[in-house]
Protein backbone atom coordinates (compact mmCIF):
# COMPACT_ATOMS: atom_id res chain seq x y z
CA MET A 1 104.01 73.00 124.57
CA GLU A 2 103.47 76.46 123.05
CA ASP A 3 107.25 76.89 122.63
CA MET A 4 107.42 73.86 120.35
CA PHE A 5 105.27 75.60 117.74
CA VAL A 6 106.79 79.06 117.42
CA LEU A 7 106.35 79.56 113.70
CA ASP A 8 109.54 81.57 113.25
CA ASN A 9 111.65 78.83 114.84
CA PRO A 10 113.46 77.11 111.95
CA LEU A 11 114.26 73.99 113.98
CA THR A 12 110.61 73.44 114.81
CA ALA A 13 109.57 73.91 111.19
CA GLN A 14 112.34 71.56 110.02
CA ARG A 15 111.30 68.85 112.49
CA ILE A 16 107.64 69.11 111.49
CA PHE A 17 108.51 69.13 107.78
CA ARG A 18 110.75 66.08 108.16
CA ASN A 19 108.11 64.14 110.09
CA VAL A 20 105.41 64.92 107.52
CA MET A 21 107.69 63.86 104.65
CA ASN A 22 108.49 60.64 106.52
CA SER A 23 104.78 60.04 107.05
CA PHE A 24 104.16 60.30 103.30
CA ALA A 25 107.03 57.92 102.60
CA HIS A 26 105.52 55.44 105.10
CA PRO A 27 101.73 55.69 104.71
CA PHE A 28 99.73 55.11 107.91
CA ARG A 29 102.84 55.07 110.13
CA VAL A 30 102.33 57.38 113.10
CA TYR A 31 104.69 60.32 113.66
CA SER A 32 104.63 62.93 116.42
CA LEU A 33 104.89 66.62 115.59
CA THR A 34 105.24 67.54 119.27
CA GLY A 35 108.36 65.52 119.93
CA GLY A 36 106.47 63.01 122.05
CA SER A 37 105.10 65.50 124.60
CA ARG A 38 101.85 64.34 126.14
CA GLY A 39 99.29 65.81 128.46
CA ASP A 40 95.73 66.93 128.82
CA TYR A 41 95.36 69.30 125.89
CA SER A 42 92.57 71.78 125.34
CA PRO A 43 91.09 72.88 121.99
CA ARG A 44 93.51 75.83 122.13
CA ASP A 45 96.41 73.37 122.09
CA CYS A 46 94.91 71.80 118.98
CA ASP A 47 95.16 75.23 117.36
CA VAL A 48 98.84 75.38 118.29
CA VAL A 49 99.48 72.02 116.61
CA ILE A 50 97.58 73.09 113.48
CA LYS A 51 99.50 76.37 113.32
CA GLY A 52 102.78 74.51 113.71
CA LEU A 53 101.91 72.21 110.83
CA CYS A 54 100.72 75.11 108.68
CA GLY A 55 103.82 77.11 109.57
CA ALA A 56 106.05 74.42 108.11
CA PHE A 57 104.26 74.30 104.75
CA LEU A 58 102.30 77.47 104.07
CA ASP A 59 103.76 80.71 102.77
CA SER A 60 102.76 83.58 100.49
CA GLY A 61 103.02 81.34 97.43
CA VAL A 62 100.18 78.99 98.38
CA SER A 63 96.52 79.24 99.27
CA PHE A 64 94.50 77.58 102.01
CA PHE A 65 90.95 76.97 103.15
CA MET A 66 90.13 76.54 106.85
CA CYS A 67 86.94 74.64 107.60
CA GLY A 68 85.46 75.17 111.02
CA ASP A 69 87.35 78.03 112.69
CA GLU A 70 87.50 81.60 111.40
CA LYS A 71 89.79 82.84 114.19
CA LEU A 72 92.31 80.08 113.50
CA ALA A 73 92.12 80.88 109.78
CA ALA A 74 92.94 84.52 110.55
CA ASP A 75 95.88 83.46 112.76
CA VAL A 76 97.28 81.15 110.07
CA ARG A 77 96.91 83.87 107.45
CA ALA A 78 98.68 86.43 109.66
CA GLU A 79 101.53 84.08 110.62
CA THR A 80 102.21 82.43 107.24
CA TYR A 81 101.01 85.06 104.72
CA ALA A 82 99.23 82.27 102.83
CA LYS A 83 96.28 83.42 100.75
CA PRO A 84 92.77 82.36 101.76
CA ALA A 85 90.83 80.61 98.99
CA VAL A 86 87.58 78.80 98.42
CA LEU A 87 87.59 75.06 99.09
CA GLU A 88 87.66 74.11 95.41
CA GLU A 89 90.80 76.16 94.68
CA ALA A 90 92.87 75.85 97.86
CA ASP A 91 96.34 74.28 97.82
CA PHE A 92 95.91 73.29 101.48
CA VAL A 93 92.63 72.45 103.19
CA VAL A 94 92.43 72.28 107.00
CA VAL A 95 89.35 70.56 108.41
CA LYS A 96 89.11 71.07 112.15
CA ASN A 97 85.44 70.59 113.03
CA GLU A 98 83.67 69.20 109.95
CA ARG A 99 81.79 66.00 110.76
CA GLY A 100 80.75 64.84 107.29
CA VAL A 101 82.87 63.79 104.33
CA ASP A 102 81.03 65.47 101.45
CA PHE A 103 83.55 68.33 101.44
CA LEU A 104 86.04 65.87 99.89
CA GLU A 105 84.05 65.99 96.65
CA LYS A 106 85.05 69.65 96.26
CA VAL A 107 88.77 69.37 97.07
CA SER A 108 91.04 70.05 94.09
CA ALA A 109 92.52 66.89 92.62
CA GLY A 110 94.51 68.83 90.04
CA SER A 111 94.07 68.09 86.35
CA LEU A 112 95.47 65.58 83.88
CA VAL A 113 97.82 68.30 82.60
CA ASN A 114 98.70 69.59 86.11
CA PRO A 115 98.19 66.73 88.58
CA HIS A 116 100.58 68.43 91.00
CA LYS A 117 97.85 71.02 91.60
CA GLY A 118 96.00 68.53 93.79
CA ALA A 119 95.50 69.79 97.34
CA THR A 120 96.86 68.56 100.64
CA VAL A 121 94.03 67.97 103.11
CA ILE A 122 94.68 68.09 106.87
CA ILE A 123 91.86 66.50 108.87
CA VAL A 124 91.72 66.65 112.66
CA VAL A 125 90.55 63.33 114.12
CA PRO A 126 89.97 62.20 117.72
CA GLN A 127 92.61 59.47 117.41
CA LEU A 128 94.41 57.52 114.71
CA ALA A 129 93.98 53.93 115.85
CA GLY A 130 90.54 52.40 116.13
CA ASP A 131 88.49 49.32 115.51
CA VAL A 132 87.80 49.66 111.76
CA ASN A 133 89.88 47.22 109.74
CA ILE A 134 91.10 48.48 106.37
CA MET A 135 93.43 47.01 103.78
CA ALA A 136 95.94 49.28 102.07
CA GLU A 137 98.38 48.83 99.21
CA GLY A 138 100.41 51.12 97.00
CA PRO A 139 103.58 53.23 97.02
CA GLY A 140 105.39 53.09 100.36
CA ILE A 141 103.53 49.97 101.53
CA ASN A 142 105.16 46.55 101.34
CA GLY A 143 102.55 44.41 99.62
CA LYS A 144 99.12 44.60 101.21
CA THR A 145 98.75 45.75 104.82
CA SER A 146 95.91 45.30 107.30
CA LEU A 147 95.36 48.27 109.63
CA PHE A 148 92.90 49.23 112.36
CA VAL A 149 91.98 52.90 112.15
CA HIS A 150 89.51 55.30 113.75
CA ALA A 151 86.06 55.34 112.11
CA ARG A 152 86.55 58.97 110.99
CA ILE A 153 89.66 57.99 109.02
CA ALA A 154 87.93 55.00 107.44
CA GLU A 155 84.95 57.18 106.48
CA CYS A 156 87.22 59.73 104.75
CA LEU A 157 89.22 57.05 102.93
CA GLU A 158 86.09 55.31 101.68
CA LYS A 159 84.74 58.64 100.43
CA VAL A 160 87.95 59.35 98.51
CA ALA A 161 87.94 55.85 97.01
CA GLY A 162 84.34 56.38 95.92
CA LEU A 163 85.30 59.52 94.01
CA GLN A 164 87.24 57.34 91.53
CA ILE A 165 89.72 60.10 90.74
CA GLU A 166 91.44 59.48 87.42
CA TYR A 167 95.19 58.80 87.56
CA PRO A 168 97.47 60.79 87.88
CA LYS A 169 95.13 63.27 89.58
CA GLY A 170 94.52 63.12 93.31
CA PHE A 171 95.15 64.76 96.65
CA GLU A 172 97.07 63.92 99.81
CA LEU A 173 95.52 63.35 103.24
CA ILE A 174 97.12 64.08 106.62
CA PHE A 175 95.18 62.89 109.65
CA LEU A 176 96.11 64.89 112.75
CA THR A 177 95.20 64.40 116.41
CA ARG A 178 95.04 67.30 118.84
CA GLN A 179 98.06 65.78 120.61
CA GLY A 180 100.10 66.29 117.43
CA ASP A 181 100.27 62.74 116.09
CA ILE A 182 99.87 62.34 112.35
CA CYS A 183 99.55 59.65 109.74
CA SER A 184 99.45 60.43 106.05
CA VAL A 185 97.90 58.86 102.99
CA PRO A 186 99.44 59.95 99.70
CA ARG A 187 97.41 59.86 96.49
CA HIS A 188 97.23 56.51 94.70
CA ILE A 189 97.15 54.41 97.86
CA ASN A 190 94.41 51.82 97.38
CA VAL A 191 92.29 51.38 100.50
CA TYR A 192 89.30 49.15 101.08
CA ARG A 193 87.42 47.76 104.05
CA GLY A 194 88.92 44.65 105.62
CA GLU A 195 87.27 42.06 107.81
CA ALA A 196 85.43 43.22 110.92
CA GLY A 197 87.70 43.72 113.94
């Protein structure tokens, strides 16, 4: 699996970039960054997946904040040349071990003049599917869709909805499993709790 995430491999970066863009075009649809490889992965393998994702998007022109792992932050900085920043100012936020959701209050949502300055937040979750029913509607979703997601995802989405960020400000969310599966939620997707599953 390590070979799939060599950061100087253009084909790997292109595949990851394409899958992330597809995941934003189709919110909540699951995509695999590892090409479908499966196995019993250790926390170290999670770092490889995170570095692969960061390698496709981070460079010397952007900043990032890593929550929960200083060694991984140093590796990402060394391999991408991205600039470390405080949470409130980072272009990319990677949340590997954080258990709460209050950090989302501090993530940059851009401004009314520069809404594109909103961050992209990558949150590692145990799994994507779960038993919490949510309803979602907005760009990339045909009408209103009922989904069953992991409780961690639902908790994050409810926190973001509670922030009541003024349009067109906002930030993007990428939920990532340690196996390399992702689903994304672009800004301006409306999410609320559905009926109990």
